Protein backbone atom coordinates (compact mmCIF):
# COMPACT_ATOMS: atom_id res chain seq x y z
CA UNK A 1 -0.05 0.08 0.06
CA UNK A 2 1.09 3.57 -0.86
CA UNK A 3 2.20 5.54 2.12
CA UNK A 4 3.59 8.80 3.22
CA UNK A 5 4.60 8.79 6.79
CA UNK A 6 5.25 11.89 8.41
CA UNK A 7 7.41 12.34 11.65
CA UNK A 8 9.35 14.79 13.86
CA UNK A 9 6.26 17.04 15.42
CA UNK A 10 6.38 18.03 19.19
CA UNK A 11 6.02 20.62 21.42
CA UNK A 12 8.82 23.23 21.17
CA UNK A 13 8.96 27.05 22.87
CA UNK A 14 8.70 30.28 20.11
CA UNK A 15 11.89 30.60 18.47
CA UNK A 16 12.63 27.15 18.49
CA UNK A 17 13.18 24.63 15.90
CA UNK A 18 11.23 21.03 14.52
CA UNK A 19 12.74 19.17 11.64
CA UNK A 20 9.92 17.35 10.00
CA UNK A 21 10.01 14.39 7.90
CA UNK A 22 7.51 12.68 5.26
CA UNK A 23 8.62 9.42 3.95
CA UNK A 24 7.76 7.51 1.04
CA UNK A 25 7.11 3.57 0.86
CA UNK A 26 6.05 2.00 -2.17
CA UNK A 27 6.56 4.66 -4.51
CA UNK A 28 9.29 6.91 -5.24
CA UNK A 29 9.07 10.59 -4.77
CA UNK A 30 10.83 10.89 -8.07
CA UNK A 31 8.20 11.84 -9.89
CA UNK A 32 6.11 13.78 -8.00
CA UNK A 33 6.06 16.87 -6.26
CA UNK A 34 5.85 16.92 -2.79
CA UNK A 35 4.10 19.61 -0.58
CA UNK A 36 3.81 20.49 3.12
CA UNK A 37 0.23 21.57 4.29
CA UNK A 38 -0.80 22.72 7.86
CA UNK A 39 -4.27 23.34 9.49
CA UNK A 40 -4.90 24.82 12.30
CA UNK A 41 -8.13 23.97 14.82
CA UNK A 42 -11.15 26.21 13.07
CA UNK A 43 -9.14 26.98 9.61
CA UNK A 44 -8.47 25.68 6.22
CA UNK A 45 -5.95 23.49 5.42
CA UNK A 46 -3.27 25.63 3.82
CA UNK A 47 -0.26 24.76 1.56
CA UNK A 48 3.11 26.00 3.26
CA UNK A 49 5.97 24.55 0.85
CA UNK A 50 6.91 22.81 -1.87
CA UNK A 51 9.64 21.01 -3.73
CA UNK A 52 9.44 20.19 -7.46
CA UNK A 53 9.82 16.44 -8.75
CA UNK A 54 13.37 17.36 -10.23
CA UNK A 55 13.89 19.47 -7.17
CA UNK A 56 14.75 22.57 -9.16
CA UNK A 57 12.43 24.63 -7.44
CA UNK A 58 10.82 25.16 -4.10
CA UNK A 59 8.27 27.59 -2.59
CA UNK A 60 7.39 28.83 0.28
CA UNK A 61 4.49 30.68 1.90
CA UNK A 62 5.10 34.12 2.86
CA UNK A 63 4.44 33.36 6.39
CA UNK A 64 7.53 31.16 6.72
CA UNK A 65 9.80 32.35 4.01
CA UNK A 66 13.08 32.64 5.55
CA UNK A 67 12.06 30.38 8.76
CA UNK A 68 11.42 26.97 6.79
CA UNK A 69 13.09 25.02 4.65
CA UNK A 70 12.24 22.12 2.54
CA UNK A 71 14.57 19.61 0.87
CA UNK A 72 14.67 16.08 -0.43
CA UNK A 73 16.80 12.85 -0.05
CA UNK A 74 16.31 10.69 -2.89
CA UNK A 75 18.61 7.69 -1.56
CA UNK A 76 15.97 7.58 1.60
CA UNK A 77 12.66 8.65 -0.46
CA UNK A 78 12.08 11.23 2.25
CA UNK A 79 11.30 14.72 2.20
CA UNK A 80 12.28 17.08 5.41
CA UNK A 81 10.74 20.68 6.39
CA UNK A 82 13.49 22.02 8.64
CA UNK A 83 11.21 24.89 10.56
CA UNK A 84 13.23 27.40 12.72
CA UNK A 85 12.04 30.39 14.70
CA UNK A 86 9.05 29.07 15.52
CA UNK A 87 5.94 31.27 16.25
CA UNK A 88 2.68 30.48 17.91
CA UNK A 89 1.07 30.92 14.97
CA UNK A 90 2.51 28.26 13.14
CA UNK A 91 1.11 25.88 15.53
CA UNK A 92 -0.78 23.49 13.26
CA UNK A 93 -1.10 19.58 12.18
CA UNK A 94 1.20 19.28 9.67
CA UNK A 95 0.57 16.85 6.32
CA UNK A 96 2.76 15.87 3.59
CA UNK A 97 1.42 15.32 0.16
CA UNK A 98 2.04 13.86 -3.20
CA UNK A 99 0.99 15.25 -6.34
CA UNK A 100 1.67 13.02 -9.57
CA UNK A 101 1.16 16.62 -11.59
CA UNK A 102 0.26 14.83 -14.94
CA UNK A 103 -0.91 18.88 -15.64
CA UNK A 104 2.66 19.93 -15.70
CA UNK A 105 1.76 22.49 -13.23
CA UNK A 106 4.93 24.18 -10.75
CA UNK A 107 4.18 22.78 -7.65
CA UNK A 108 3.25 26.27 -6.05
CA UNK A 109 0.50 26.05 -8.77
CA UNK A 110 -0.28 22.63 -7.66
CA UNK A 111 0.22 23.52 -3.39
CA UNK A 112 -3.72 22.82 -2.95
CA UNK A 113 -5.65 20.28 -1.47
CA UNK A 114 -7.58 19.37 -4.76
CA UNK A 115 -3.83 18.49 -6.60
CA UNK A 116 -2.51 15.75 -4.31
CA UNK A 117 -2.72 12.29 -4.90
CA UNK A 118 -1.55 10.70 -1.50
CA UNK A 119 -1.40 12.24 1.69
CA UNK A 120 0.18 11.34 5.06
CA UNK A 121 -1.40 11.27 8.75
CA UNK A 122 -0.07 14.39 9.64
CA UNK A 123 2.15 15.54 12.80
CA UNK A 124 1.03 17.90 15.56
CA UNK A 125 3.54 21.08 15.88
CA UNK A 126 2.77 22.77 19.31
CA UNK A 127 4.52 26.29 20.23
CA UNK A 128 4.36 27.41 22.92
CA UNK A 129 4.85 31.50 23.79
């Protein structure tokens, strides 16, 4: 069964750091745009960052630019989201998702839930002030 499994969430103080991992099993990430989304209670799921299938392009929503870094390890079939200088407003359940991108869109355009083919189960990030 195709799976994406996130890990690395937890409780951190404001200004702290976390690194989220998204490991894929039973399919290779080489052909997929990978996105990180987050959803806080009572809010819609929002796209935070993405990396293109060929790793040539990365995108960050304005609220995380300069603080978050997305990367990919092909040997481990894993995508990471390094989150630094975390703020209370970053608290949410974080999900990774894979878009096979048959439409040929750049990942920032397809960073919407409707375009994703596979989802992970989510990992909770809590930031205390």
